[in-house]
Amino acid sequence: MHETLNNVVTGMVDGEVQSLLIGHQSDIDLKARLRNTIKGYTNIKVTDKVIATERHIPVGLMLNNLINLREYENVLFIPSFRNNKFPTMMDANYVVQESNISQHMMPIINKHFNATTNVYVAYPEGHTSVYHDLMLEFGVNIIPSNGMYSMGDDSYTVTPPAGLSFDCIYLAGHDIADGVTFSAEDIKEDFNSQSFCVDGFDLIDDYQDHNLRLEVHRGNPIPDVPERLTGTTKNVDDVFEYIGNNSIRNDGFESEQFKSTVINKMATLLKTAIRIY
């Protein structure tokens, strides 16, 4: 058994990456805390939720690494997860995850490992969901919004603490109807008009195309994905390459299929799913 599993970036100092190697006991303790929180939240499809959230950890870790390598100070994380949107988190055989849930592990990983970048998650008052409860358990910063966000909703508002400004808005898994596109600049302006973004802030659109997920699990080539936002993207290929090569130990998994279909393609998958404007 390997002494360490994965590598979590906690920040940057003078251009040097600061990171922690996650030991097996740390991994076991984190999963136990997730599992116990879920069991206290619900008795419905607990196995589905426990297996899924454990498998979300590597994604949460890599996304935490992204925001810390980018050296953001304050990230506003706009969740998409609702219980009624995802009756289950896994397929019937507990093999394939439902898409656009795992991003919601990122604020938990960020807080759990005391990373430098601050993450604030916007939820409406009275919202309840598995991930909302998990974030509360781990002490994630939650701030009020006037509802759950839908892509392009210019009536959406967030109320951050006084004086807090964001240098990144993170859109986590928001659906868009087939054939519809939005302007990244228009969406940025919707948030900028609320006077809590710094000049030149980044907009991250992180969306997992489920057809792509299925093709990758089948061992097929990574397919093209539909265009979602129009606008100029930032080239952060070097960051994705670092994350793909330095976050998840590919020799720490017994499944050769997992290594060949997912881990060895991780940088390419990240580049396909995530756009920064």
C-alpha atoms as a PDB file:
ATOM      1  CA  MET A   1       0.000   0.000   0.000  1.00  0.00           C
ATOM      2  CA  HIS A   2       1.304   3.430  -0.887  1.00  0.00           C
ATOM      3  CA  GLU A   3       2.106   5.818   1.936  1.00  0.00           C
ATOM      4  CA  THR A   4       0.307   8.640   0.143  1.00  0.00           C
ATOM      5  CA  LEU A   5      -2.650   8.789  -2.218  1.00  0.00           C
ATOM      6  CA  ASN A   6      -3.060  12.269  -3.665  1.00  0.00           C
ATOM      7  CA  ASN A   7      -1.562  15.740  -3.650  1.00  0.00           C
ATOM      8  CA  VAL A   8      -3.548  18.813  -2.596  1.00  0.00           C
ATOM      9  CA  VAL A   9      -2.287  22.290  -3.480  1.00  0.00           C
ATOM     10  CA  THR A  10      -2.710  24.652  -0.542  1.00  0.00           C
ATOM     11  CA  GLY A  11      -1.339  27.790  -2.214  1.00  0.00           C
ATOM     12  CA  MET A  12       1.555  29.513  -3.930  1.00  0.00           C
ATOM     13  CA  VAL A  13       4.491  31.362  -2.325  1.00  0.00           C
ATOM     14  CA  ASP A  14       6.820  33.378  -4.567  1.00  0.00           C
ATOM     15  CA  GLY A  15       5.819  31.256  -7.547  1.00  0.00           C
ATOM     16  CA  GLU A  16       6.429  27.969  -5.733  1.00  0.00           C
ATOM     17  CA  VAL A  17       3.638  25.440  -5.295  1.00  0.00           C
ATOM     18  CA  GLN A  18       2.732  24.654  -1.690  1.00  0.00           C
ATOM     19  CA  SER A  19       1.102  21.256  -1.316  1.00  0.00           C
ATOM     20  CA  LEU A  20       0.248  18.411   1.034  1.00  0.00           C
ATOM     21  CA  LEU A  21       0.441  14.687   0.385  1.00  0.00           C
ATOM     22  CA  ILE A  22      -2.722  13.004   1.608  1.00  0.00           C
ATOM     23  CA  GLY A  23      -1.937   9.899   3.624  1.00  0.00           C
ATOM     24  CA  HIS A  24      -4.173   6.845   3.818  1.00  0.00           C
ATOM     25  CA  GLN A  25      -5.363   7.631   7.341  1.00  0.00           C
ATOM     26  CA  SER A  26      -6.261  11.182   6.325  1.00  0.00           C
ATOM     27  CA  ASP A  27      -8.211   9.772   3.378  1.00  0.00           C
ATOM     28  CA  ILE A  28     -10.014   7.274   5.632  1.00  0.00           C
ATOM     29  CA  ASP A  29     -10.891   9.999   8.160  1.00  0.00           C
ATOM     30  CA  LEU A  30     -12.252  12.316   5.459  1.00  0.00           C
ATOM     31  CA  LYS A  31     -14.458   9.584   3.995  1.00  0.00           C
ATOM     32  CA  ALA A  32     -15.722   8.618   7.445  1.00  0.00           C
ATOM     33  CA  ARG A  33     -16.723  12.221   8.156  1.00  0.00           C
ATOM     34  CA  LEU A  34     -18.570  12.447   4.841  1.00  0.00           C
ATOM     35  CA  ARG A  35     -20.298   9.112   5.443  1.00  0.00           C
ATOM     36  CA  ASN A  36     -21.389   9.967   8.984  1.00  0.00           C
ATOM     37  CA  THR A  37     -22.757  13.342   7.912  1.00  0.00           C
ATOM     38  CA  ILE A  38     -24.781  11.751   5.111  1.00  0.00           C
ATOM     39  CA  LYS A  39     -26.197   9.121   7.482  1.00  0.00           C
ATOM     40  CA  GLY A  40     -27.275  11.903   9.820  1.00  0.00           C
ATOM     41  CA  TYR A  41     -28.896  13.775   6.953  1.00  0.00           C
ATOM     42  CA  THR A  42     -30.975  11.025   5.357  1.00  0.00           C
ATOM     43  CA  ASN A  43     -31.782   7.319   5.345  1.00  0.00           C
ATOM     44  CA  ILE A  44     -32.775   7.346   1.660  1.00  0.00           C
ATOM     45  CA  LYS A  45     -30.371   5.709  -0.830  1.00  0.00           C
ATOM     46  CA  VAL A  46     -27.486   6.120   1.593  1.00  0.00           C
ATOM     47  CA  THR A  47     -25.207   3.668  -0.249  1.00  0.00           C
ATOM     48  CA  ASP A  48     -25.621   5.653  -3.465  1.00  0.00           C
ATOM     49  CA  LYS A  49     -24.713   8.912  -1.716  1.00  0.00           C
ATOM     50  CA  VAL A  50     -21.782   7.490   0.230  1.00  0.00           C
ATOM     51  CA  ILE A  51     -20.140   5.815  -2.775  1.00  0.00           C
ATOM     52  CA  ALA A  52     -20.701   8.858  -4.966  1.00  0.00           C
ATOM     53  CA  THR A  53     -19.314  11.442  -2.561  1.00  0.00           C
ATOM     54  CA  GLU A  54     -16.234   9.319  -1.922  1.00  0.00           C
ATOM     55  CA  ARG A  55     -15.630   9.200  -5.670  1.00  0.00           C
ATOM     56  CA  HIS A  56     -16.125  12.959  -5.851  1.00  0.00           C
ATOM     57  CA  ILE A  57     -13.059  13.547  -3.682  1.00  0.00           C
ATOM     58  CA  PRO A  58     -10.454  13.355  -6.497  1.00  0.00           C
ATOM     59  CA  VAL A  59     -12.452  15.856  -8.585  1.00  0.00           C
ATOM     60  CA  GLY A  60     -12.841  18.190  -5.625  1.00  0.00           C
ATOM     61  CA  LEU A  61      -9.127  17.926  -5.003  1.00  0.00           C
ATOM     62  CA  MET A  62      -8.186  18.767  -8.587  1.00  0.00           C
ATOM     63  CA  LEU A  63     -10.557  21.741  -8.723  1.00  0.00           C
ATOM     64  CA  ASN A  64      -9.126  23.019  -5.450  1.00  0.00           C
ATOM     65  CA  ASN A  65      -5.699  22.700  -7.041  1.00  0.00           C
ATOM     66  CA  LEU A  66      -6.917  24.744 -10.006  1.00  0.00           C
ATOM     67  CA  ILE A  67      -8.099  27.733  -7.979  1.00  0.00           C
ATOM     68  CA  ASN A  68      -4.993  27.728  -5.782  1.00  0.00           C
ATOM     69  CA  LEU A  69      -2.572  27.396  -8.702  1.00  0.00           C
ATOM     70  CA  ARG A  70      -4.395  30.347 -10.282  1.00  0.00           C
ATOM     71  CA  GLU A  71      -3.769  32.229  -7.007  1.00  0.00           C
ATOM     72  CA  TYR A  72      -7.295  33.515  -6.600  1.00  0.00           C
ATOM     73  CA  GLU A  73      -7.943  35.270  -3.315  1.00  0.00           C
ATOM     74  CA  ASN A  74     -11.739  34.962  -3.051  1.00  0.00           C
ATOM     75  CA  VAL A  75     -13.858  32.640  -5.210  1.00  0.00           C
ATOM     76  CA  LEU A  76     -17.644  32.902  -5.428  1.00  0.00           C
ATOM     77  CA  PHE A  77     -18.858  29.350  -6.070  1.00  0.00           C
ATOM     78  CA  ILE A  78     -22.289  29.172  -7.714  1.00  0.00           C
ATOM     79  CA  PRO A  79     -23.722  25.682  -7.064  1.00  0.00           C
ATOM     80  CA  SER A  80     -26.136  23.795  -9.269  1.00  0.00           C
ATOM     81  CA  PHE A  81     -26.782  20.804  -7.009  1.00  0.00           C
ATOM     82  CA  ARG A  82     -30.364  20.145  -5.889  1.00  0.00           C
ATOM     83  CA  ASN A  83     -31.637  16.875  -4.415  1.00  0.00           C
ATOM     84  CA  ASN A  84     -34.649  16.776  -6.757  1.00  0.00           C
ATOM     85  CA  LYS A  85     -32.384  17.192  -9.785  1.00  0.00           C
ATOM     86  CA  PHE A  86     -30.402  14.075  -8.864  1.00  0.00           C
ATOM     87  CA  PRO A  87     -32.629  11.304  -7.412  1.00  0.00           C
ATOM     88  CA  THR A  88     -29.454   9.198  -7.529  1.00  0.00           C
ATOM     89  CA  MET A  89     -25.797  10.146  -7.812  1.00  0.00           C
ATOM     90  CA  MET A  90     -24.648   6.883  -9.425  1.00  0.00           C
ATOM     91  CA  ASP A  91     -26.020   4.492 -12.009  1.00  0.00           C
ATOM     92  CA  ALA A  92     -27.798   1.328 -10.854  1.00  0.00           C
ATOM     93  CA  ASN A  93     -24.531  -0.642 -10.749  1.00  0.00           C
ATOM     94  CA  TYR A  94     -22.587   2.032  -8.824  1.00  0.00           C
ATOM     95  CA  VAL A  95     -20.142   2.370 -11.700  1.00  0.00           C
ATOM     96  CA  VAL A  96     -20.847   5.641 -13.542  1.00  0.00           C
ATOM     97  CA  GLN A  97     -21.413   8.886 -11.653  1.00  0.00           C
ATOM     98  CA  GLU A  98     -24.106  11.325 -12.608  1.00  0.00           C
ATOM     99  CA  SER A  99     -22.439  14.378 -14.108  1.00  0.00           C
ATOM    100  CA  ASN A 100     -22.146  17.845 -12.565  1.00  0.00           C
ATOM    101  CA  ILE A 101     -22.306  16.806  -8.930  1.00  0.00           C
ATOM    102  CA  SER A 102     -18.640  16.171  -8.152  1.00  0.00           C
ATOM    103  CA  GLN A 103     -17.671  19.843  -8.587  1.00  0.00           C
ATOM    104  CA  HIS A 104     -19.507  20.518  -5.315  1.00  0.00           C
ATOM    105  CA  MET A 105     -16.814  18.636  -3.392  1.00  0.00           C
ATOM    106  CA  MET A 106     -14.283  21.379  -4.191  1.00  0.00           C
ATOM    107  CA  PRO A 107     -15.292  23.855  -1.431  1.00  0.00           C
ATOM    108  CA  ILE A 108     -15.161  21.001   1.096  1.00  0.00           C
ATOM    109  CA  ILE A 109     -11.663  19.915   0.061  1.00  0.00           C
ATOM    110  CA  ASN A 110     -10.545  23.546   0.049  1.00  0.00           C
ATOM    111  CA  LYS A 111     -11.775  24.111   3.609  1.00  0.00           C
ATOM    112  CA  HIS A 112     -10.748  20.722   4.981  1.00  0.00           C
ATOM    113  CA  PHE A 113      -7.117  21.198   3.956  1.00  0.00           C
ATOM    114  CA  ASN A 114      -6.958  24.910   4.846  1.00  0.00           C
ATOM    115  CA  ALA A 115      -6.000  26.052   1.349  1.00  0.00           C
ATOM    116  CA  THR A 116      -5.048  29.687   0.793  1.00  0.00           C
ATOM    117  CA  THR A 117      -7.810  30.565  -1.667  1.00  0.00           C
ATOM    118  CA  ASN A 118     -11.061  31.436   0.105  1.00  0.00           C
ATOM    119  CA  VAL A 119     -14.230  29.866  -1.327  1.00  0.00           C
ATOM    120  CA  TYR A 120     -17.701  31.262  -0.657  1.00  0.00           C
ATOM    121  CA  VAL A 121     -20.749  29.241  -1.739  1.00  0.00           C
ATOM    122  CA  ALA A 122     -24.027  31.012  -2.548  1.00  0.00           C
ATOM    123  CA  TYR A 123     -27.206  29.250  -1.404  1.00  0.00           C
ATOM    124  CA  PRO A 124     -30.697  30.676  -0.847  1.00  0.00           C
ATOM    125  CA  GLU A 125     -32.008  30.842   2.710  1.00  0.00           C
ATOM    126  CA  GLY A 126     -33.792  27.631   3.653  1.00  0.00           C
ATOM    127  CA  HIS A 127     -32.057  25.510   1.006  1.00  0.00           C
ATOM    128  CA  THR A 128     -31.405  21.917   2.028  1.00  0.00           C
ATOM    129  CA  SER A 129     -29.493  19.278   0.119  1.00  0.00           C
ATOM    130  CA  VAL A 130     -26.845  16.650   0.711  1.00  0.00           C
ATOM    131  CA  TYR A 131     -24.037  18.937  -0.392  1.00  0.00           C
ATOM    132  CA  HIS A 132     -25.398  21.913   1.546  1.00  0.00           C
ATOM    133  CA  ASP A 133     -25.306  19.781   4.704  1.00  0.00           C
ATOM    134  CA  LEU A 134     -21.824  18.492   3.927  1.00  0.00           C
ATOM    135  CA  MET A 135     -20.567  22.035   3.420  1.00  0.00           C
ATOM    136  CA  LEU A 136     -22.062  23.094   6.751  1.00  0.00           C
ATOM    137  CA  GLU A 137     -20.370  20.139   8.463  1.00  0.00           C
ATOM    138  CA  PHE A 138     -16.962  21.153   7.101  1.00  0.00           C
ATOM    139  CA  GLY A 139     -17.375  24.851   7.897  1.00  0.00           C
ATOM    140  CA  VAL A 140     -17.519  26.050   4.298  1.00  0.00           C
ATOM    141  CA  ASN A 141     -18.339  29.745   3.941  1.00  0.00           C
ATOM    142  CA  ILE A 142     -21.987  29.954   2.811  1.00  0.00           C
ATOM    143  CA  ILE A 143     -23.488  33.300   1.819  1.00  0.00           C
ATOM    144  CA  PRO A 144     -27.101  34.081   0.880  1.00  0.00           C
ATOM    145  CA  SER A 145     -28.485  34.329  -2.640  1.00  0.00           C
ATOM    146  CA  ASN A 146     -32.000  35.114  -3.814  1.00  0.00           C
ATOM    147  CA  GLY A 147     -32.399  31.646  -5.343  1.00  0.00           C
ATOM    148  CA  MET A 148     -30.533  28.939  -7.218  1.00  0.00           C
ATOM    149  CA  TYR A 149     -28.763  30.264 -10.290  1.00  0.00           C
ATOM    150  CA  SER A 150     -29.738  29.416 -13.860  1.00  0.00           C
ATOM    151  CA  MET A 151     -27.351  30.273 -16.678  1.00  0.00           C
ATOM    152  CA  GLY A 152     -27.985  33.782 -17.956  1.00  0.00           C
ATOM    153  CA  ASP A 153     -30.342  34.797 -15.118  1.00  0.00           C
ATOM    154  CA  ASP A 154     -29.750  38.537 -14.770  1.00  0.00           C
ATOM    155  CA  SER A 155     -32.088  38.740 -11.737  1.00  0.00           C
ATOM    156  CA  TYR A 156     -29.840  36.516  -9.634  1.00  0.00           C
ATOM    157  CA  THR A 157     -28.264  38.259  -6.649  1.00  0.00           C
ATOM    158  CA  VAL A 158     -25.783  37.335  -3.934  1.00  0.00           C
ATOM    159  CA  THR A 159     -25.209  39.143  -0.637  1.00  0.00           C
ATOM    160  CA  PRO A 160     -21.585  38.766   0.452  1.00  0.00           C
ATOM    161  CA  PRO A 161     -20.182  40.192   3.683  1.00  0.00           C
ATOM    162  CA  ALA A 162     -19.446  43.921   3.545  1.00  0.00           C
ATOM    163  CA  GLY A 163     -16.141  44.732   1.895  1.00  0.00           C
ATOM    164  CA  LEU A 164     -15.631  41.289   0.355  1.00  0.00           C
ATOM    165  CA  SER A 165     -14.631  41.241  -3.332  1.00  0.00           C
ATOM    166  CA  PHE A 166     -14.252  38.256  -5.647  1.00  0.00           C
ATOM    167  CA  ASP A 167     -11.563  37.722  -8.250  1.00  0.00           C
ATOM    168  CA  CYS A 168     -13.246  34.573  -9.582  1.00  0.00           C
ATOM    169  CA  ILE A 169     -16.839  33.485 -10.193  1.00  0.00           C
ATOM    170  CA  TYR A 170     -17.088  29.693 -10.429  1.00  0.00           C
ATOM    171  CA  LEU A 171     -20.130  28.250 -12.236  1.00  0.00           C
ATOM    172  CA  ALA A 172     -20.435  24.627 -11.146  1.00  0.00           C
ATOM    173  CA  GLY A 173     -22.305  22.390 -13.560  1.00  0.00           C
ATOM    174  CA  HIS A 174     -25.109  24.603 -14.844  1.00  0.00           C
ATOM    175  CA  ASP A 175     -27.249  23.137 -17.614  1.00  0.00           C
ATOM    176  CA  ILE A 176     -27.960  24.934 -20.875  1.00  0.00           C
ATOM    177  CA  ALA A 177     -30.630  23.812 -23.328  1.00  0.00           C
ATOM    178  CA  ASP A 178     -29.339  22.058 -26.442  1.00  0.00           C
ATOM    179  CA  GLY A 179     -28.311  24.531 -29.132  1.00  0.00           C
ATOM    180  CA  VAL A 180     -28.366  27.538 -26.795  1.00  0.00           C
ATOM    181  CA  THR A 181     -25.265  29.621 -26.103  1.00  0.00           C
ATOM    182  CA  PHE A 182     -24.636  32.588 -23.835  1.00  0.00           C
ATOM    183  CA  SER A 183     -22.117  35.410 -23.987  1.00  0.00           C
ATOM    184  CA  ALA A 184     -19.459  35.059 -21.320  1.00  0.00           C
ATOM    185  CA  GLU A 185     -19.140  38.853 -21.210  1.00  0.00           C
ATOM    186  CA  ASP A 186     -22.864  39.242 -20.562  1.00  0.00           C
ATOM    187  CA  ILE A 187     -22.715  36.769 -17.695  1.00  0.00           C
ATOM    188  CA  LYS A 188     -19.662  38.505 -16.264  1.00  0.00           C
ATOM    189  CA  GLU A 189     -21.490  41.812 -16.442  1.00  0.00           C
ATOM    190  CA  ASP A 190     -24.467  40.328 -14.557  1.00  0.00           C
ATOM    191  CA  PHE A 191     -22.133  39.573 -11.650  1.00  0.00           C
ATOM    192  CA  ASN A 192     -20.003  42.690 -12.045  1.00  0.00           C
ATOM    193  CA  SER A 193     -23.113  44.900 -11.809  1.00  0.00           C
ATOM    194  CA  GLN A 194     -23.548  43.731  -8.216  1.00  0.00           C
ATOM    195  CA  SER A 195     -20.323  45.569  -7.272  1.00  0.00           C
ATOM    196  CA  PHE A 196     -18.548  42.687  -5.574  1.00  0.00           C
ATOM    197  CA  CYS A 197     -16.079  41.698  -8.321  1.00  0.00           C
ATOM    198  CA  VAL A 198     -12.578  43.083  -8.748  1.00  0.00           C
ATOM    199  CA  ASP A 199     -11.483  44.518 -12.079  1.00  0.00           C
ATOM    200  CA  GLY A 200     -10.485  41.774 -14.500  1.00  0.00           C
ATOM    201  CA  PHE A 201     -12.060  38.950 -12.489  1.00  0.00           C
ATOM    202  CA  ASP A 202     -12.230  35.471 -14.023  1.00  0.00           C
ATOM    203  CA  LEU A 203     -15.386  33.550 -14.877  1.00  0.00           C
ATOM    204  CA  ILE A 204     -14.991  29.769 -14.745  1.00  0.00           C
ATOM    205  CA  ASP A 205     -17.573  27.590 -16.489  1.00  0.00           C
ATOM    206  CA  ASP A 206     -17.143  23.995 -15.328  1.00  0.00           C
ATOM    207  CA  TYR A 207     -19.597  21.635 -17.019  1.00  0.00           C
ATOM    208  CA  GLN A 208     -19.331  17.846 -17.306  1.00  0.00           C
ATOM    209  CA  ASP A 209     -20.936  16.604 -20.520  1.00  0.00           C
ATOM    210  CA  HIS A 210     -22.542  13.262 -19.664  1.00  0.00           C
ATOM    211  CA  ASN A 211     -22.118  11.815 -23.154  1.00  0.00           C
ATOM    212  CA  LEU A 212     -18.390  12.512 -22.831  1.00  0.00           C
ATOM    213  CA  ARG A 213     -18.365  10.718 -19.466  1.00  0.00           C
ATOM    214  CA  LEU A 214     -20.023   7.642 -20.961  1.00  0.00           C
ATOM    215  CA  GLU A 215     -17.671   7.524 -23.938  1.00  0.00           C
ATOM    216  CA  VAL A 216     -14.617   7.788 -21.670  1.00  0.00           C
ATOM    217  CA  HIS A 217     -15.886   4.982 -19.440  1.00  0.00           C
ATOM    218  CA  ARG A 218     -16.338   2.843 -22.555  1.00  0.00           C
ATOM    219  CA  GLY A 219     -12.713   3.474 -23.454  1.00  0.00           C
ATOM    220  CA  ASN A 220     -13.601   5.482 -26.564  1.00  0.00           C
ATOM    221  CA  PRO A 221     -11.883   8.681 -27.767  1.00  0.00           C
ATOM    222  CA  ILE A 222     -12.879  11.897 -26.004  1.00  0.00           C
ATOM    223  CA  PRO A 223     -15.706  13.399 -28.085  1.00  0.00           C
ATOM    224  CA  ASP A 224     -16.240  17.045 -28.903  1.00  0.00           C
ATOM    225  CA  VAL A 225     -18.624  18.891 -26.602  1.00  0.00           C
ATOM    226  CA  PRO A 226     -21.205  21.524 -27.582  1.00  0.00           C
ATOM    227  CA  GLU A 227     -20.283  25.178 -27.282  1.00  0.00           C
ATOM    228  CA  ARG A 228     -21.850  26.769 -24.199  1.00  0.00           C
ATOM    229  CA  LEU A 229     -20.401  30.252 -23.807  1.00  0.00           C
ATOM    230  CA  THR A 230     -19.053  32.545 -26.498  1.00  0.00           C
ATOM    231  CA  GLY A 231     -16.084  34.748 -25.764  1.00  0.00           C
ATOM    232  CA  THR A 232     -12.324  34.729 -25.377  1.00  0.00           C
ATOM    233  CA  THR A 233     -10.957  32.010 -23.108  1.00  0.00           C
ATOM    234  CA  LYS A 234      -7.742  32.154 -21.144  1.00  0.00           C
ATOM    235  CA  ASN A 235      -5.065  29.605 -21.968  1.00  0.00           C
ATOM    236  CA  VAL A 236      -4.242  27.758 -18.756  1.00  0.00           C
ATOM    237  CA  ASP A 237      -3.052  24.518 -20.343  1.00  0.00           C
ATOM    238  CA  ASP A 238       0.071  24.555 -18.157  1.00  0.00           C
ATOM    239  CA  VAL A 239      -2.117  24.534 -15.047  1.00  0.00           C
ATOM    240  CA  PHE A 240      -4.238  21.646 -16.349  1.00  0.00           C
ATOM    241  CA  GLU A 241      -1.098  19.694 -17.234  1.00  0.00           C
ATOM    242  CA  TYR A 242       0.279  20.225 -13.736  1.00  0.00           C
ATOM    243  CA  ILE A 243      -3.003  19.092 -12.176  1.00  0.00           C
ATOM    244  CA  GLY A 244      -3.234  16.070 -14.455  1.00  0.00           C
ATOM    245  CA  ASN A 245       0.328  15.003 -13.674  1.00  0.00           C
ATOM    246  CA  ASN A 246       0.620  15.879  -9.995  1.00  0.00           C
ATOM    247  CA  SER A 247      -2.756  15.514  -8.251  1.00  0.00           C
ATOM    248  CA  ILE A 248      -3.919  11.879  -8.429  1.00  0.00           C
ATOM    249  CA  ARG A 249      -1.485   8.980  -8.113  1.00  0.00           C
ATOM    250  CA  ASN A 250      -2.214   6.706 -11.052  1.00  0.00           C
ATOM    251  CA  ASP A 251      -0.266   3.877  -9.434  1.00  0.00           C
ATOM    252  CA  GLY A 252      -2.468   4.023  -6.352  1.00  0.00           C
ATOM    253  CA  PHE A 253      -5.445   2.353  -8.032  1.00  0.00           C
ATOM    254  CA  GLU A 254      -5.824  -1.349  -8.637  1.00  0.00           C
ATOM    255  CA  SER A 255      -8.120  -0.866 -11.644  1.00  0.00           C
ATOM    256  CA  GLU A 256      -6.134  -0.793 -14.877  1.00  0.00           C
ATOM    257  CA  GLN A 257      -9.317   0.263 -16.683  1.00  0.00           C
ATOM    258  CA  PHE A 258      -9.636   3.344 -14.460  1.00  0.00           C
ATOM    259  CA  LYS A 259      -6.037   4.314 -15.159  1.00  0.00           C
ATOM    260  CA  SER A 260      -6.348   3.858 -18.896  1.00  0.00           C
ATOM    261  CA  THR A 261      -9.768   5.480 -19.337  1.00  0.00           C
ATOM    262  CA  VAL A 262      -9.596   8.360 -16.861  1.00  0.00           C
ATOM    263  CA  ILE A 263      -6.375   9.087 -14.974  1.00  0.00           C
ATOM    264  CA  ASN A 264      -4.045   9.087 -17.978  1.00  0.00           C
ATOM    265  CA  LYS A 265      -6.404  11.468 -19.804  1.00  0.00           C
ATOM    266  CA  MET A 266      -7.067  13.796 -16.886  1.00  0.00           C
ATOM    267  CA  ALA A 267      -5.419  16.943 -18.243  1.00  0.00           C
ATOM    268  CA  THR A 268      -7.334  16.614 -21.524  1.00  0.00           C
ATOM    269  CA  LEU A 269     -10.602  15.997 -19.689  1.00  0.00           C
ATOM    270  CA  LEU A 270     -10.083  19.096 -17.554  1.00  0.00           C
ATOM    271  CA  LYS A 271      -9.364  21.207 -20.626  1.00  0.00           C
ATOM    272  CA  THR A 272     -12.557  19.892 -22.225  1.00  0.00           C
ATOM    273  CA  ALA A 273     -14.829  20.492 -19.218  1.00  0.00           C
ATOM    274  CA  ILE A 274     -13.497  23.804 -17.894  1.00  0.00           C
ATOM    275  CA  ARG A 275     -13.336  27.185 -19.607  1.00  0.00           C
ATOM    276  CA  ILE A 276     -11.942  30.342 -18.020  1.00  0.00           C
ATOM    277  CA  TYR A 277     -13.062  33.731 -19.366  1.00  0.00           C
END
